[in-house]
Amino acid sequence: MRLDGRRTSNNVDDRRGKGSSGKISLGIGGTIIVALIVWFMGGNPLDFVSQQAVDGLTTEKNYTPTAAEEKAATFAKTILAGTEDVWTEIFKQNNLKYTPPRMVLFSGSTQSGCGNASSSTGPFYCPVDQTVYIDLSFFNQMEKQLNAGGDFAYAYVIAHEVGHHVQNLLGTLDKVHQQQQRVSEKESNQLSVRIELQADFYAGVWAYHDNKDFSSLEDGDIEEGLNAATQIGDDRLQMQSQGYTVPDAFNHGTSVQRTRWLKKGLQTGNMSNGDTFSIPYSQL
């Protein structure tokens, strides 16, 4: 991506090196790869990872980020700024006011409005405090464990979480969460898929307008994003983790669905084309 000269967001709380105390979420089985799968297959990872108690206080004294990590932090702040610019304008065009989310950068573990979080939970959006949380080491995990590297792939992850913030501002998250309380687990998972696919679409909408405004996309960027969407499909992750798929347990969408909706956002840039709720589930 071409990001030279772009502004970075000031709406960032950098907690790297500060650690956390008390109970820390370590993910299912305490393993990063399973936690990654949980993040990609559920809405808020804190609802799906097991909580384990860690005695004492976790701190990182004399914390000094590497040059690579500082580059990743600047990248994340730049992408967040891009989402602020794009969504502020889109909301304005629809006679709405956009209030940007905060972003928390952390290392190891931290506290969120939705509970404790650790690096193994992966990036997530907490609607309670309207904040995107991310441990930058996740980008390395995407590249090495999921074969989903590349700067636009990383931007897609951030833009997807900001997409959940857009849904929160529009009241979509509240509406869906209320519906989920009244339906079966299978139907609840299907609603989750619709939410996640719309967030993928919104990520594509952001990229469309960011590229239009700043010529930010380079050759191969779109392919990186679509590859990431493919690698994190429910069907692919389930097959890799257990050797078979359970469609009723899907709650983020298949590889085909995720690439389809990301691509639709990238191609149209039109927020009104992202209705994933009126379409029959089989046609998503």
Protein backbone atom coordinates (compact mmCIF):
# COMPACT_ATOMS: atom_id res chain seq x y z
CA MET A 1 0.00 0.00 0.00
CA ARG A 2 1.08 3.59 -0.66
CA LEU A 3 0.90 5.33 2.70
CA ASP A 4 3.84 7.75 2.59
CA GLY A 5 2.91 11.23 3.76
CA ARG A 6 -0.43 10.13 5.16
CA ARG A 7 -1.56 11.37 8.56
CA THR A 8 -1.77 9.04 11.55
CA SER A 9 -4.69 8.96 13.97
CA ASN A 10 -4.36 10.55 17.39
CA ASN A 11 -7.29 8.47 18.60
CA VAL A 12 -4.94 5.71 19.80
CA ASP A 13 -4.16 4.49 23.31
CA ASP A 14 -0.74 2.85 23.20
CA ARG A 15 -0.53 0.41 26.12
CA ARG A 16 2.37 -1.65 24.82
CA GLY A 17 4.61 -2.69 27.66
CA LYS A 18 2.12 -1.82 30.37
CA GLY A 19 0.77 -5.32 30.93
CA SER A 20 -2.30 -6.27 32.94
CA SER A 21 -3.19 -7.90 36.21
CA GLY A 22 -5.74 -10.39 37.42
CA LYS A 23 -7.38 -12.99 35.21
CA ILE A 24 -6.09 -13.00 31.69
CA SER A 25 -7.73 -14.72 28.74
CA LEU A 26 -5.32 -17.25 27.33
CA GLY A 27 -7.56 -18.71 24.61
CA ILE A 28 -8.88 -22.24 24.28
CA GLY A 29 -6.20 -24.63 25.41
CA GLY A 30 -3.87 -21.71 25.85
CA THR A 31 -2.63 -22.04 22.26
CA ILE A 32 -2.39 -19.20 19.80
CA ILE A 33 -3.56 -21.14 16.75
CA VAL A 34 -6.79 -22.25 18.41
CA ALA A 35 -7.39 -18.74 19.68
CA LEU A 36 -6.89 -17.43 16.15
CA ILE A 37 -9.53 -19.83 14.90
CA VAL A 38 -11.87 -18.76 17.69
CA TRP A 39 -11.39 -15.10 16.75
CA PHE A 40 -12.09 -15.72 13.09
CA MET A 41 -15.12 -17.91 13.84
CA GLY A 42 -16.87 -15.84 16.50
CA GLY A 43 -17.93 -12.27 16.99
CA ASN A 44 -16.22 -11.07 20.14
CA PRO A 45 -13.40 -13.52 20.92
CA LEU A 46 -13.91 -12.91 24.61
CA ASP A 47 -17.23 -14.75 24.31
CA PHE A 48 -15.54 -17.84 22.92
CA VAL A 49 -12.14 -18.24 24.57
CA SER A 50 -11.76 -19.90 27.94
CA GLN A 51 -10.74 -17.70 30.86
CA GLN A 52 -7.84 -18.84 33.01
CA ALA A 53 -6.49 -17.26 36.15
CA VAL A 54 -2.94 -15.98 36.12
CA ASP A 55 -1.55 -15.16 39.55
CA GLY A 56 0.17 -11.88 40.16
CA LEU A 57 0.84 -8.91 37.97
CA THR A 58 2.09 -9.13 34.40
CA THR A 59 4.44 -6.28 33.57
CA GLU A 60 7.07 -5.59 30.97
CA LYS A 61 9.79 -3.40 32.49
CA ASN A 62 12.00 -1.32 30.25
CA TYR A 63 9.86 -2.22 27.29
CA THR A 64 11.45 -1.16 24.02
CA PRO A 65 9.55 -1.91 20.81
CA THR A 66 11.50 -3.16 17.84
CA ALA A 67 11.80 -1.12 14.67
CA ALA A 68 9.45 -3.58 12.96
CA GLU A 69 6.86 -3.16 15.70
CA GLU A 70 7.10 0.63 15.52
CA LYS A 71 6.56 0.39 11.77
CA ALA A 72 3.49 -1.78 12.41
CA ALA A 73 2.18 0.72 14.96
CA THR A 74 2.55 3.60 12.51
CA PHE A 75 0.84 1.48 9.87
CA ALA A 76 -2.12 0.72 12.18
CA LYS A 77 -2.48 4.40 13.12
CA THR A 78 -2.40 5.39 9.45
CA ILE A 79 -5.07 2.86 8.49
CA LEU A 80 -7.23 4.00 11.41
CA ALA A 81 -6.87 7.60 10.21
CA GLY A 82 -7.94 6.46 6.75
CA THR A 83 -11.08 4.86 8.14
CA GLU A 84 -11.83 8.06 10.05
CA ASP A 85 -11.62 10.13 6.86
CA VAL A 86 -13.68 7.74 4.74
CA TRP A 87 -16.46 6.97 7.21
CA THR A 88 -16.80 10.60 8.31
CA GLU A 89 -17.51 11.54 4.70
CA ILE A 90 -19.84 8.60 4.03
CA PHE A 91 -21.86 9.34 7.16
CA LYS A 92 -22.00 13.02 6.21
CA GLN A 93 -23.39 12.11 2.79
CA ASN A 94 -26.13 10.17 4.57
CA ASN A 95 -26.90 13.04 6.96
CA LEU A 96 -25.30 11.19 9.85
CA LYS A 97 -22.44 12.02 12.21
CA TYR A 98 -19.55 9.62 12.47
CA THR A 99 -17.85 9.24 15.84
CA PRO A 100 -14.55 7.37 15.29
CA PRO A 101 -13.62 4.42 17.50
CA ARG A 102 -10.54 4.41 19.68
CA MET A 103 -7.78 1.95 19.01
CA VAL A 104 -5.81 0.31 21.81
CA LEU A 105 -2.40 -1.11 20.96
CA PHE A 106 -1.23 -3.57 23.59
CA SER A 107 1.33 -6.28 24.15
CA GLY A 108 0.61 -9.44 26.08
CA SER A 109 -2.62 -8.50 27.83
CA THR A 110 -4.89 -5.61 28.68
CA GLN A 111 -8.31 -4.70 30.03
CA SER A 112 -11.20 -3.78 27.75
CA GLY A 113 -14.78 -2.70 28.30
CA CYS A 114 -15.74 -6.24 27.29
CA GLY A 115 -13.40 -7.98 29.74
CA ASN A 116 -9.81 -9.16 29.88
CA ALA A 117 -7.89 -9.69 26.66
CA SER A 118 -4.57 -11.23 25.70
CA SER A 119 -2.60 -11.37 22.49
CA SER A 120 -4.02 -14.84 21.85
CA THR A 121 -7.56 -13.50 21.45
CA GLY A 122 -6.67 -11.63 18.28
CA PRO A 123 -7.95 -8.18 17.28
CA PHE A 124 -11.53 -7.37 18.26
CA TYR A 125 -14.02 -4.54 18.57
CA CYS A 126 -15.68 -3.88 21.92
CA PRO A 127 -18.99 -2.03 21.51
CA VAL A 128 -19.14 -1.21 25.22
CA ASP A 129 -16.25 1.25 25.01
CA GLN A 130 -16.33 1.62 21.19
CA THR A 131 -12.72 0.55 20.87
CA VAL A 132 -10.68 -1.67 18.57
CA TYR A 133 -8.06 -3.73 20.45
CA ILE A 134 -5.01 -5.18 18.75
CA ASP A 135 -1.71 -6.72 19.71
CA LEU A 136 0.53 -5.97 16.73
CA SER A 137 2.16 -9.40 16.97
CA PHE A 138 -1.05 -10.68 15.39
CA PHE A 139 0.21 -9.52 12.00
CA ASN A 140 3.15 -11.93 12.31
CA GLN A 141 0.75 -14.70 13.27
CA MET A 142 -1.35 -13.97 10.18
CA GLU A 143 1.70 -14.34 7.96
CA LYS A 144 3.33 -17.34 9.62
CA GLN A 145 0.35 -19.38 10.83
CA LEU A 146 -2.43 -18.49 8.43
CA ASN A 147 -0.50 -17.72 5.24
CA ALA A 148 -2.39 -14.43 5.12
CA GLY A 149 0.38 -11.83 5.14
CA GLY A 150 0.64 -8.52 3.33
CA ASP A 151 -0.02 -4.91 4.25
CA PHE A 152 -3.47 -4.79 2.71
CA ALA A 153 -4.36 -8.04 4.49
CA TYR A 154 -3.46 -6.34 7.77
CA ALA A 155 -5.40 -3.23 6.77
CA TYR A 156 -8.39 -5.44 6.01
CA VAL A 157 -8.30 -6.80 9.58
CA ILE A 158 -8.37 -3.29 11.04
CA ALA A 159 -11.02 -2.09 8.59
CA HIS A 160 -13.18 -5.14 9.40
CA GLU A 161 -13.14 -4.27 13.11
CA VAL A 162 -13.95 -0.64 12.29
CA GLY A 163 -16.79 -2.06 10.21
CA HIS A 164 -18.23 -3.45 13.44
CA HIS A 165 -18.01 0.05 14.88
CA VAL A 166 -20.02 1.34 11.91
CA GLN A 167 -22.61 -1.35 12.64
CA ASN A 168 -22.64 -0.27 16.27
CA LEU A 169 -23.25 3.38 15.38
CA LEU A 170 -26.05 2.40 13.00
CA GLY A 171 -27.73 0.22 15.65
CA THR A 172 -27.18 -2.98 13.68
CA LEU A 173 -25.21 -4.73 16.43
CA ASP A 174 -27.83 -4.08 19.10
CA LYS A 175 -30.63 -5.23 16.85
CA VAL A 176 -28.88 -8.46 15.92
CA HIS A 177 -27.78 -9.23 19.48
CA GLN A 178 -31.39 -8.85 20.62
CA GLN A 179 -32.54 -11.21 17.89
CA GLN A 180 -29.89 -13.74 18.87
CA GLN A 181 -31.37 -13.97 22.35
CA ARG A 182 -34.66 -15.22 20.90
CA VAL A 183 -33.52 -17.85 18.42
CA SER A 184 -31.78 -21.22 18.37
CA GLU A 185 -28.01 -21.59 18.40
CA LYS A 186 -28.03 -22.43 14.69
CA GLU A 187 -30.05 -19.31 13.85
CA SER A 188 -27.88 -17.23 16.15
CA ASN A 189 -24.77 -18.41 14.30
CA GLN A 190 -26.39 -17.49 11.00
CA LEU A 191 -27.07 -13.98 12.28
CA SER A 192 -23.43 -13.78 13.32
CA VAL A 193 -22.38 -14.75 9.80
CA ARG A 194 -24.52 -11.94 8.40
CA ILE A 195 -22.89 -9.46 10.79
CA GLU A 196 -19.38 -10.60 9.90
CA LEU A 197 -19.96 -10.59 6.15
CA GLN A 198 -21.31 -7.07 6.37
CA ALA A 199 -18.17 -6.03 8.26
CA ASP A 200 -16.13 -7.59 5.44
CA PHE A 201 -18.18 -5.56 2.96
CA TYR A 202 -17.61 -2.37 4.94
CA ALA A 203 -13.87 -3.09 4.92
CA GLY A 204 -14.09 -3.24 1.13
CA VAL A 205 -16.08 0.01 1.02
CA TRP A 206 -13.36 1.71 3.06
CA ALA A 207 -10.63 0.42 0.72
CA TYR A 208 -12.57 1.61 -2.35
CA HIS A 209 -12.80 5.17 -1.06
CA ASP A 210 -9.33 5.23 0.48
CA ASN A 211 -7.89 4.24 -2.88
CA LYS A 212 -10.07 6.79 -4.65
CA ASP A 213 -8.90 9.57 -2.34
CA PHE A 214 -5.24 8.60 -1.90
CA SER A 215 -4.38 6.05 -4.63
CA SER A 216 -3.34 3.79 -1.78
CA LEU A 217 -3.69 0.39 -3.45
CA GLU A 218 -0.76 -1.09 -5.33
CA ASP A 219 -0.54 -4.12 -7.58
CA GLY A 220 -1.17 -7.25 -5.55
CA ASP A 221 -2.88 -5.52 -2.64
CA ILE A 222 -6.39 -6.64 -3.51
CA GLU A 223 -5.12 -10.17 -4.00
CA GLU A 224 -3.59 -10.04 -0.51
CA GLY A 225 -6.92 -9.01 0.99
CA LEU A 226 -8.90 -11.64 -0.88
CA ASN A 227 -6.35 -14.29 0.10
CA ALA A 228 -6.73 -13.30 3.75
CA ALA A 229 -10.51 -13.56 3.45
CA THR A 230 -10.07 -17.01 1.92
CA GLN A 231 -7.69 -18.22 4.62
CA ILE A 232 -10.04 -17.19 7.44
CA GLY A 233 -13.25 -18.73 6.13
CA ASP A 234 -15.06 -20.91 8.67
CA ASP A 235 -14.95 -23.94 6.40
CA ARG A 236 -11.22 -23.66 5.78
CA LEU A 237 -10.36 -23.10 9.45
CA GLN A 238 -12.54 -25.97 10.62
CA MET A 239 -11.05 -28.31 8.04
CA GLN A 240 -7.53 -27.35 9.10
CA SER A 241 -8.25 -27.69 12.82
CA GLN A 242 -10.41 -30.82 12.88
CA GLY A 243 -10.44 -32.36 9.42
CA TYR A 244 -14.15 -31.76 8.75
CA THR A 245 -16.67 -28.94 8.70
CA VAL A 246 -19.81 -28.26 10.74
CA PRO A 247 -21.80 -25.68 8.74
CA ASP A 248 -24.29 -25.08 11.56
CA ALA A 249 -21.37 -23.87 13.68
CA PHE A 250 -20.17 -21.33 11.12
CA ASN A 251 -20.39 -17.81 12.50
CA HIS A 252 -18.09 -15.75 10.27
CA GLY A 253 -18.83 -17.15 6.83
CA THR A 254 -17.13 -19.49 4.39
CA SER A 255 -14.07 -18.56 2.37
CA VAL A 256 -16.26 -18.01 -0.70
CA GLN A 257 -18.71 -15.82 1.22
CA ARG A 258 -16.02 -13.69 2.84
CA THR A 259 -14.17 -13.05 -0.40
CA ARG A 260 -17.47 -12.33 -2.18
CA TRP A 261 -18.55 -9.62 0.26
CA LEU A 262 -15.11 -8.06 0.60
CA LYS A 263 -14.86 -7.94 -3.18
CA LYS A 264 -18.35 -6.45 -3.47
CA GLY A 265 -17.35 -3.60 -1.17
CA LEU A 266 -14.10 -3.10 -3.08
CA GLN A 267 -15.90 -2.97 -6.41
CA THR A 268 -18.90 -0.81 -5.53
CA GLY A 269 -17.86 1.41 -2.63
CA ASN A 270 -21.56 1.88 -2.01
CA MET A 271 -22.65 1.37 1.58
CA SER A 272 -26.25 0.66 0.51
CA ASN A 273 -25.13 -2.52 -1.29
CA GLY A 274 -24.12 -4.19 1.96
CA ASP A 275 -27.46 -5.53 3.16
CA THR A 276 -26.57 -9.04 4.28
CA PHE A 277 -29.80 -9.47 6.23
CA SER A 278 -32.56 -9.49 3.59
CA ILE A 279 -30.85 -12.07 1.38
CA PRO A 280 -31.83 -15.71 1.98
CA TYR A 281 -29.06 -17.33 4.02
CA SER A 282 -28.31 -19.88 1.30
CA GLN A 283 -27.57 -17.05 -1.15
CA LEU A 284 -25.04 -15.17 0.97
